[in-house]
């Protein structure tokens, strides 16, 4: 929604954001600051690159590229290359936006963002966000699973409203330092063992 004053309103689940965004990436940048809190981001940026959270190193690379492109091209709207950093940072922002807008169980949203803020969990949770974002854009509604409960569990539940079909979703990825040898079989077995929901399993590997 765009008001007569040029302010856009974007709905995210049960809340709204307002701003004078010219392009969608402008909104995504503000969205990331809103989700992760500017105070937290600024405190991480004050650290040396090797000590700060990897998300802020991505953010800094994106800002450097944007500043260089703006100086080279001028104007309020300009083109930027889609580098690896841009793809990862804005891709994560878009996935989180889709998930927040479509997820049912919002109480666990804060816990999920907390995992992204934890450096050891960051890469794995980014992968979960990629899978979750893809499902929401395909029309599914997500329910987060309480990770504090006892027993093995999947990442989240996905419901397809047109049919009411429900699926358990598990995400597995090779961790840094693991053998280059294919681990699909092991990851699939782990995903199957963690599905104690009685629902059909969708595994992202």
C-alpha atoms as a PDB file:
ATOM      1  CA  UNK A   1       0.000   0.000   0.000  1.00  0.00           C
ATOM      2  CA  UNK A   2       1.410   3.422  -0.995  1.00  0.00           C
ATOM      3  CA  UNK A   3       0.019   6.567   0.644  1.00  0.00           C
ATOM      4  CA  UNK A   4      -0.284  10.004  -0.943  1.00  0.00           C
ATOM      5  CA  UNK A   5       2.846  11.017   0.988  1.00  0.00           C
ATOM      6  CA  UNK A   6       4.875   8.278  -0.698  1.00  0.00           C
ATOM      7  CA  UNK A   7       5.026   6.139   2.447  1.00  0.00           C
ATOM      8  CA  UNK A   8       4.557   2.438   1.788  1.00  0.00           C
ATOM      9  CA  UNK A   9       2.902   0.051   4.226  1.00  0.00           C
ATOM     10  CA  UNK A  10       3.959  -3.598   4.206  1.00  0.00           C
ATOM     11  CA  UNK A  11       2.026  -6.217   6.181  1.00  0.00           C
ATOM     12  CA  UNK A  12       3.992  -8.957   7.943  1.00  0.00           C
ATOM     13  CA  UNK A  13       1.676 -11.407   9.637  1.00  0.00           C
ATOM     14  CA  UNK A  14      -0.002  -9.465  12.433  1.00  0.00           C
ATOM     15  CA  UNK A  15       2.211  -6.369  12.220  1.00  0.00           C
ATOM     16  CA  UNK A  16       3.100  -3.665   9.699  1.00  0.00           C
ATOM     17  CA  UNK A  17       6.152  -1.700   8.611  1.00  0.00           C
ATOM     18  CA  UNK A  18       6.075   1.769   7.053  1.00  0.00           C
ATOM     19  CA  UNK A  19       8.767   3.571   5.063  1.00  0.00           C
ATOM     20  CA  UNK A  20       9.589   5.512   1.908  1.00  0.00           C
ATOM     21  CA  UNK A  21      11.110   2.595   0.012  1.00  0.00           C
ATOM     22  CA  UNK A  22      11.671   3.149  -3.704  1.00  0.00           C
ATOM     23  CA  UNK A  23      12.535  -0.479  -4.516  1.00  0.00           C
ATOM     24  CA  UNK A  24      11.918  -3.834  -2.819  1.00  0.00           C
ATOM     25  CA  UNK A  25      15.603  -4.281  -1.799  1.00  0.00           C
ATOM     26  CA  UNK A  26      15.301  -0.974   0.104  1.00  0.00           C
ATOM     27  CA  UNK A  27      12.536  -2.529   2.177  1.00  0.00           C
ATOM     28  CA  UNK A  28      14.560  -5.715   2.723  1.00  0.00           C
ATOM     29  CA  UNK A  29      17.476  -3.705   4.132  1.00  0.00           C
ATOM     30  CA  UNK A  30      15.202  -1.951   6.626  1.00  0.00           C
ATOM     31  CA  UNK A  31      13.485  -5.241   7.407  1.00  0.00           C
ATOM     32  CA  UNK A  32      16.785  -6.847   8.421  1.00  0.00           C
ATOM     33  CA  UNK A  33      17.559  -3.925  10.724  1.00  0.00           C
ATOM     34  CA  UNK A  34      14.102  -4.275  12.239  1.00  0.00           C
ATOM     35  CA  UNK A  35      14.350  -8.049  12.758  1.00  0.00           C
ATOM     36  CA  UNK A  36      17.887  -8.168  14.113  1.00  0.00           C
ATOM     37  CA  UNK A  37      17.809  -4.766  15.903  1.00  0.00           C
ATOM     38  CA  UNK A  38      20.161  -1.958  14.959  1.00  0.00           C
ATOM     39  CA  UNK A  39      21.809  -1.973  18.400  1.00  0.00           C
ATOM     40  CA  UNK A  40      22.876  -5.590  17.962  1.00  0.00           C
ATOM     41  CA  UNK A  41      24.104  -4.944  14.427  1.00  0.00           C
ATOM     42  CA  UNK A  42      26.101  -1.865  15.423  1.00  0.00           C
ATOM     43  CA  UNK A  43      27.729  -3.710  18.317  1.00  0.00           C
ATOM     44  CA  UNK A  44      28.820  -6.471  15.926  1.00  0.00           C
ATOM     45  CA  UNK A  45      30.122  -3.995  13.336  1.00  0.00           C
ATOM     46  CA  UNK A  46      32.319  -2.456  16.028  1.00  0.00           C
ATOM     47  CA  UNK A  47      34.227  -5.751  16.266  1.00  0.00           C
ATOM     48  CA  UNK A  48      37.067  -6.858  14.014  1.00  0.00           C
ATOM     49  CA  UNK A  49      35.795  -8.744  10.915  1.00  0.00           C
ATOM     50  CA  UNK A  50      37.170 -12.057  12.165  1.00  0.00           C
ATOM     51  CA  UNK A  51      35.338 -11.665  15.499  1.00  0.00           C
ATOM     52  CA  UNK A  52      31.964 -10.344  14.370  1.00  0.00           C
ATOM     53  CA  UNK A  53      28.880 -12.300  13.389  1.00  0.00           C
ATOM     54  CA  UNK A  54      29.067 -13.453   9.724  1.00  0.00           C
ATOM     55  CA  UNK A  55      25.771 -11.702   8.919  1.00  0.00           C
ATOM     56  CA  UNK A  56      27.391  -8.320   9.522  1.00  0.00           C
ATOM     57  CA  UNK A  57      30.338  -9.175   7.284  1.00  0.00           C
ATOM     58  CA  UNK A  58      27.825  -9.915   4.529  1.00  0.00           C
ATOM     59  CA  UNK A  59      26.018  -6.649   5.268  1.00  0.00           C
ATOM     60  CA  UNK A  60      29.255  -4.680   5.071  1.00  0.00           C
ATOM     61  CA  UNK A  61      30.158  -6.191   1.702  1.00  0.00           C
ATOM     62  CA  UNK A  62      26.712  -5.334   0.350  1.00  0.00           C
ATOM     63  CA  UNK A  63      27.054  -1.733   1.586  1.00  0.00           C
ATOM     64  CA  UNK A  64      30.505  -1.362  -0.004  1.00  0.00           C
ATOM     65  CA  UNK A  65      29.131  -2.555  -3.340  1.00  0.00           C
ATOM     66  CA  UNK A  66      26.083  -0.278  -3.154  1.00  0.00           C
ATOM     67  CA  UNK A  67      28.195   2.761  -2.271  1.00  0.00           C
ATOM     68  CA  UNK A  68      30.565   2.090  -5.152  1.00  0.00           C
ATOM     69  CA  UNK A  69      27.703   1.622  -7.621  1.00  0.00           C
ATOM     70  CA  UNK A  70      25.926   4.743  -6.370  1.00  0.00           C
ATOM     71  CA  UNK A  71      29.059   6.854  -6.804  1.00  0.00           C
ATOM     72  CA  UNK A  72      29.603   5.422 -10.292  1.00  0.00           C
ATOM     73  CA  UNK A  73      26.022   5.784 -11.514  1.00  0.00           C
ATOM     74  CA  UNK A  74      24.421   8.480  -9.389  1.00  0.00           C
ATOM     75  CA  UNK A  75      20.679   8.962  -9.079  1.00  0.00           C
ATOM     76  CA  UNK A  76      18.216   7.585  -6.547  1.00  0.00           C
ATOM     77  CA  UNK A  77      17.825   4.289  -8.409  1.00  0.00           C
ATOM     78  CA  UNK A  78      20.887   2.441  -9.702  1.00  0.00           C
ATOM     79  CA  UNK A  79      21.959  -1.083 -10.594  1.00  0.00           C
ATOM     80  CA  UNK A  80      24.159  -3.347  -8.483  1.00  0.00           C
ATOM     81  CA  UNK A  81      25.733  -6.689  -9.227  1.00  0.00           C
ATOM     82  CA  UNK A  82      24.329  -9.835  -7.634  1.00  0.00           C
ATOM     83  CA  UNK A  83      27.465 -11.045  -5.873  1.00  0.00           C
ATOM     84  CA  UNK A  84      27.580 -13.962  -3.455  1.00  0.00           C
ATOM     85  CA  UNK A  85      27.247 -11.572  -0.503  1.00  0.00           C
ATOM     86  CA  UNK A  86      24.255  -9.788  -2.062  1.00  0.00           C
ATOM     87  CA  UNK A  87      22.541 -13.085  -2.873  1.00  0.00           C
ATOM     88  CA  UNK A  88      23.069 -14.459   0.641  1.00  0.00           C
ATOM     89  CA  UNK A  89      22.118 -11.301   2.539  1.00  0.00           C
ATOM     90  CA  UNK A  90      19.058 -10.235   0.548  1.00  0.00           C
ATOM     91  CA  UNK A  91      18.075 -13.881   0.000  1.00  0.00           C
ATOM     92  CA  UNK A  92      17.983 -14.423   3.753  1.00  0.00           C
ATOM     93  CA  UNK A  93      16.004 -11.194   4.188  1.00  0.00           C
ATOM     94  CA  UNK A  94      13.415 -12.277   1.606  1.00  0.00           C
ATOM     95  CA  UNK A  95      13.098 -15.761   3.115  1.00  0.00           C
ATOM     96  CA  UNK A  96      12.607 -14.348   6.613  1.00  0.00           C
ATOM     97  CA  UNK A  97      10.014 -11.881   5.311  1.00  0.00           C
ATOM     98  CA  UNK A  98       8.066 -14.713   3.638  1.00  0.00           C
ATOM     99  CA  UNK A  99       8.250 -16.898   6.744  1.00  0.00           C
ATOM    100  CA  UNK A 100       7.198 -14.186   9.182  1.00  0.00           C
ATOM    101  CA  UNK A 101       4.238 -13.267   7.000  1.00  0.00           C
ATOM    102  CA  UNK A 102       3.035 -16.870   6.608  1.00  0.00           C
ATOM    103  CA  UNK A 103       4.069 -18.751   9.766  1.00  0.00           C
ATOM    104  CA  UNK A 104       1.299 -19.594  12.216  1.00  0.00           C
ATOM    105  CA  UNK A 105       3.235 -20.197  15.412  1.00  0.00           C
ATOM    106  CA  UNK A 106       4.747 -16.788  16.042  1.00  0.00           C
ATOM    107  CA  UNK A 107       5.944 -17.437  19.642  1.00  0.00           C
ATOM    108  CA  UNK A 108       8.811 -19.520  18.243  1.00  0.00           C
ATOM    109  CA  UNK A 109       9.755 -16.804  15.728  1.00  0.00           C
ATOM    110  CA  UNK A 110      11.945 -15.033  18.314  1.00  0.00           C
ATOM    111  CA  UNK A 111      13.725 -18.302  19.118  1.00  0.00           C
ATOM    112  CA  UNK A 112      14.418 -18.871  15.425  1.00  0.00           C
ATOM    113  CA  UNK A 113      15.891 -15.366  15.026  1.00  0.00           C
ATOM    114  CA  UNK A 114      17.959 -16.038  18.143  1.00  0.00           C
ATOM    115  CA  UNK A 115      19.486 -19.069  16.415  1.00  0.00           C
ATOM    116  CA  UNK A 116      20.463 -16.872  13.460  1.00  0.00           C
ATOM    117  CA  UNK A 117      22.206 -14.501  15.874  1.00  0.00           C
ATOM    118  CA  UNK A 118      24.284 -17.380  17.249  1.00  0.00           C
ATOM    119  CA  UNK A 119      27.347 -17.819  15.050  1.00  0.00           C
ATOM    120  CA  UNK A 120      27.596 -21.659  15.366  1.00  0.00           C
ATOM    121  CA  UNK A 121      23.912 -22.009  14.330  1.00  0.00           C
ATOM    122  CA  UNK A 122      23.927 -19.327  11.632  1.00  0.00           C
ATOM    123  CA  UNK A 123      24.714 -21.361   8.501  1.00  0.00           C
ATOM    124  CA  UNK A 124      22.365 -24.238   9.370  1.00  0.00           C
ATOM    125  CA  UNK A 125      19.523 -21.853  10.238  1.00  0.00           C
ATOM    126  CA  UNK A 126      20.077 -19.932   6.979  1.00  0.00           C
ATOM    127  CA  UNK A 127      19.510 -23.235   5.198  1.00  0.00           C
ATOM    128  CA  UNK A 128      16.306 -23.772   7.188  1.00  0.00           C
ATOM    129  CA  UNK A 129      15.205 -20.260   6.186  1.00  0.00           C
ATOM    130  CA  UNK A 130      15.852 -21.049   2.512  1.00  0.00           C
ATOM    131  CA  UNK A 131      13.656 -24.156   2.725  1.00  0.00           C
ATOM    132  CA  UNK A 132      10.973 -22.362   4.728  1.00  0.00           C
ATOM    133  CA  UNK A 133      10.931 -19.432   2.313  1.00  0.00           C
ATOM    134  CA  UNK A 134      10.566 -21.744  -0.672  1.00  0.00           C
ATOM    135  CA  UNK A 135       7.615 -23.520   0.946  1.00  0.00           C
ATOM    136  CA  UNK A 136       5.791 -20.310   1.836  1.00  0.00           C
ATOM    137  CA  UNK A 137       6.197 -19.009  -1.718  1.00  0.00           C
ATOM    138  CA  UNK A 138       4.746 -22.302  -2.957  1.00  0.00           C
ATOM    139  CA  UNK A 139       1.617 -21.590  -0.896  1.00  0.00           C
ATOM    140  CA  UNK A 140       2.310 -23.525   2.322  1.00  0.00           C
ATOM    141  CA  UNK A 141       1.625 -22.205   5.822  1.00  0.00           C
ATOM    142  CA  UNK A 142       4.257 -23.126   8.422  1.00  0.00           C
ATOM    143  CA  UNK A 143       4.080 -24.076  12.077  1.00  0.00           C
ATOM    144  CA  UNK A 144       7.319 -23.915  14.023  1.00  0.00           C
ATOM    145  CA  UNK A 145       8.139 -26.902  16.231  1.00  0.00           C
ATOM    146  CA  UNK A 146       9.028 -26.342  19.882  1.00  0.00           C
ATOM    147  CA  UNK A 147      12.703 -27.320  20.055  1.00  0.00           C
ATOM    148  CA  UNK A 148      12.637 -27.192  23.842  1.00  0.00           C
ATOM    149  CA  UNK A 149      10.356 -30.240  23.980  1.00  0.00           C
ATOM    150  CA  UNK A 150      11.840 -33.668  24.693  1.00  0.00           C
ATOM    151  CA  UNK A 151      12.493 -36.167  21.932  1.00  0.00           C
ATOM    152  CA  UNK A 152      13.556 -35.986  18.299  1.00  0.00           C
ATOM    153  CA  UNK A 153      11.781 -33.391  16.198  1.00  0.00           C
ATOM    154  CA  UNK A 154      11.583 -31.944  12.700  1.00  0.00           C
ATOM    155  CA  UNK A 155      12.251 -28.296  11.784  1.00  0.00           C
ATOM    156  CA  UNK A 156       8.620 -27.308  11.179  1.00  0.00           C
ATOM    157  CA  UNK A 157       5.249 -28.468   9.874  1.00  0.00           C
ATOM    158  CA  UNK A 158       3.899 -27.306   6.500  1.00  0.00           C
ATOM    159  CA  UNK A 159       0.199 -27.179   5.596  1.00  0.00           C
ATOM    160  CA  UNK A 160      -1.140 -26.669   2.064  1.00  0.00           C
ATOM    161  CA  UNK A 161      -4.456 -24.788   2.551  1.00  0.00           C
ATOM    162  CA  UNK A 162      -6.155 -25.756  -0.753  1.00  0.00           C
ATOM    163  CA  UNK A 163      -6.095 -29.445   0.207  1.00  0.00           C
ATOM    164  CA  UNK A 164      -5.381 -29.389   3.945  1.00  0.00           C
ATOM    165  CA  UNK A 165      -2.430 -31.750   3.415  1.00  0.00           C
ATOM    166  CA  UNK A 166       0.209 -31.533   6.151  1.00  0.00           C
ATOM    167  CA  UNK A 167       3.869 -32.479   6.014  1.00  0.00           C
ATOM    168  CA  UNK A 168       6.768 -32.681   8.419  1.00  0.00           C
ATOM    169  CA  UNK A 169       9.841 -30.829   7.127  1.00  0.00           C
ATOM    170  CA  UNK A 170      13.451 -31.581   7.999  1.00  0.00           C
ATOM    171  CA  UNK A 171      16.590 -29.812   6.682  1.00  0.00           C
ATOM    172  CA  UNK A 172      20.009 -31.456   6.506  1.00  0.00           C
ATOM    173  CA  UNK A 173      23.217 -29.993   5.094  1.00  0.00           C
ATOM    174  CA  UNK A 174      26.868 -30.916   5.088  1.00  0.00           C
ATOM    175  CA  UNK A 175      28.669 -28.977   7.775  1.00  0.00           C
ATOM    176  CA  UNK A 176      31.908 -27.164   7.141  1.00  0.00           C
ATOM    177  CA  UNK A 177      34.823 -29.538   7.570  1.00  0.00           C
ATOM    178  CA  UNK A 178      32.864 -32.676   6.679  1.00  0.00           C
ATOM    179  CA  UNK A 179      34.166 -35.010   4.006  1.00  0.00           C
ATOM    180  CA  UNK A 180      33.465 -34.084   0.394  1.00  0.00           C
ATOM    181  CA  UNK A 181      32.085 -37.587  -0.026  1.00  0.00           C
ATOM    182  CA  UNK A 182      28.327 -37.664  -0.552  1.00  0.00           C
ATOM    183  CA  UNK A 183      26.393 -37.796   2.747  1.00  0.00           C
ATOM    184  CA  UNK A 184      22.871 -37.864   1.313  1.00  0.00           C
ATOM    185  CA  UNK A 185      22.111 -41.350   2.622  1.00  0.00           C
ATOM    186  CA  UNK A 186      23.198 -40.513   6.163  1.00  0.00           C
ATOM    187  CA  UNK A 187      21.313 -37.220   6.171  1.00  0.00           C
ATOM    188  CA  UNK A 188      18.152 -38.861   4.823  1.00  0.00           C
ATOM    189  CA  UNK A 189      18.297 -41.543   7.507  1.00  0.00           C
ATOM    190  CA  UNK A 190      18.670 -38.890  10.192  1.00  0.00           C
ATOM    191  CA  UNK A 191      15.753 -36.917   8.763  1.00  0.00           C
ATOM    192  CA  UNK A 192      13.525 -40.008   8.747  1.00  0.00           C
ATOM    193  CA  UNK A 193      14.475 -40.928  12.327  1.00  0.00           C
ATOM    194  CA  UNK A 194      13.615 -37.419  13.543  1.00  0.00           C
ATOM    195  CA  UNK A 195      10.119 -37.494  12.083  1.00  0.00           C
ATOM    196  CA  UNK A 196       7.948 -38.733  14.915  1.00  0.00           C
ATOM    197  CA  UNK A 197       4.916 -36.726  13.847  1.00  0.00           C
ATOM    198  CA  UNK A 198       3.169 -39.464  11.864  1.00  0.00           C
ATOM    199  CA  UNK A 199       3.026 -37.065   8.895  1.00  0.00           C
ATOM    200  CA  UNK A 200       4.642 -37.541   5.448  1.00  0.00           C
ATOM    201  CA  UNK A 201       8.191 -36.188   5.450  1.00  0.00           C
ATOM    202  CA  UNK A 202       9.678 -33.562   3.151  1.00  0.00           C
ATOM    203  CA  UNK A 203      13.469 -33.561   3.521  1.00  0.00           C
ATOM    204  CA  UNK A 204      15.730 -30.813   2.159  1.00  0.00           C
ATOM    205  CA  UNK A 205      19.241 -32.244   1.753  1.00  0.00           C
END
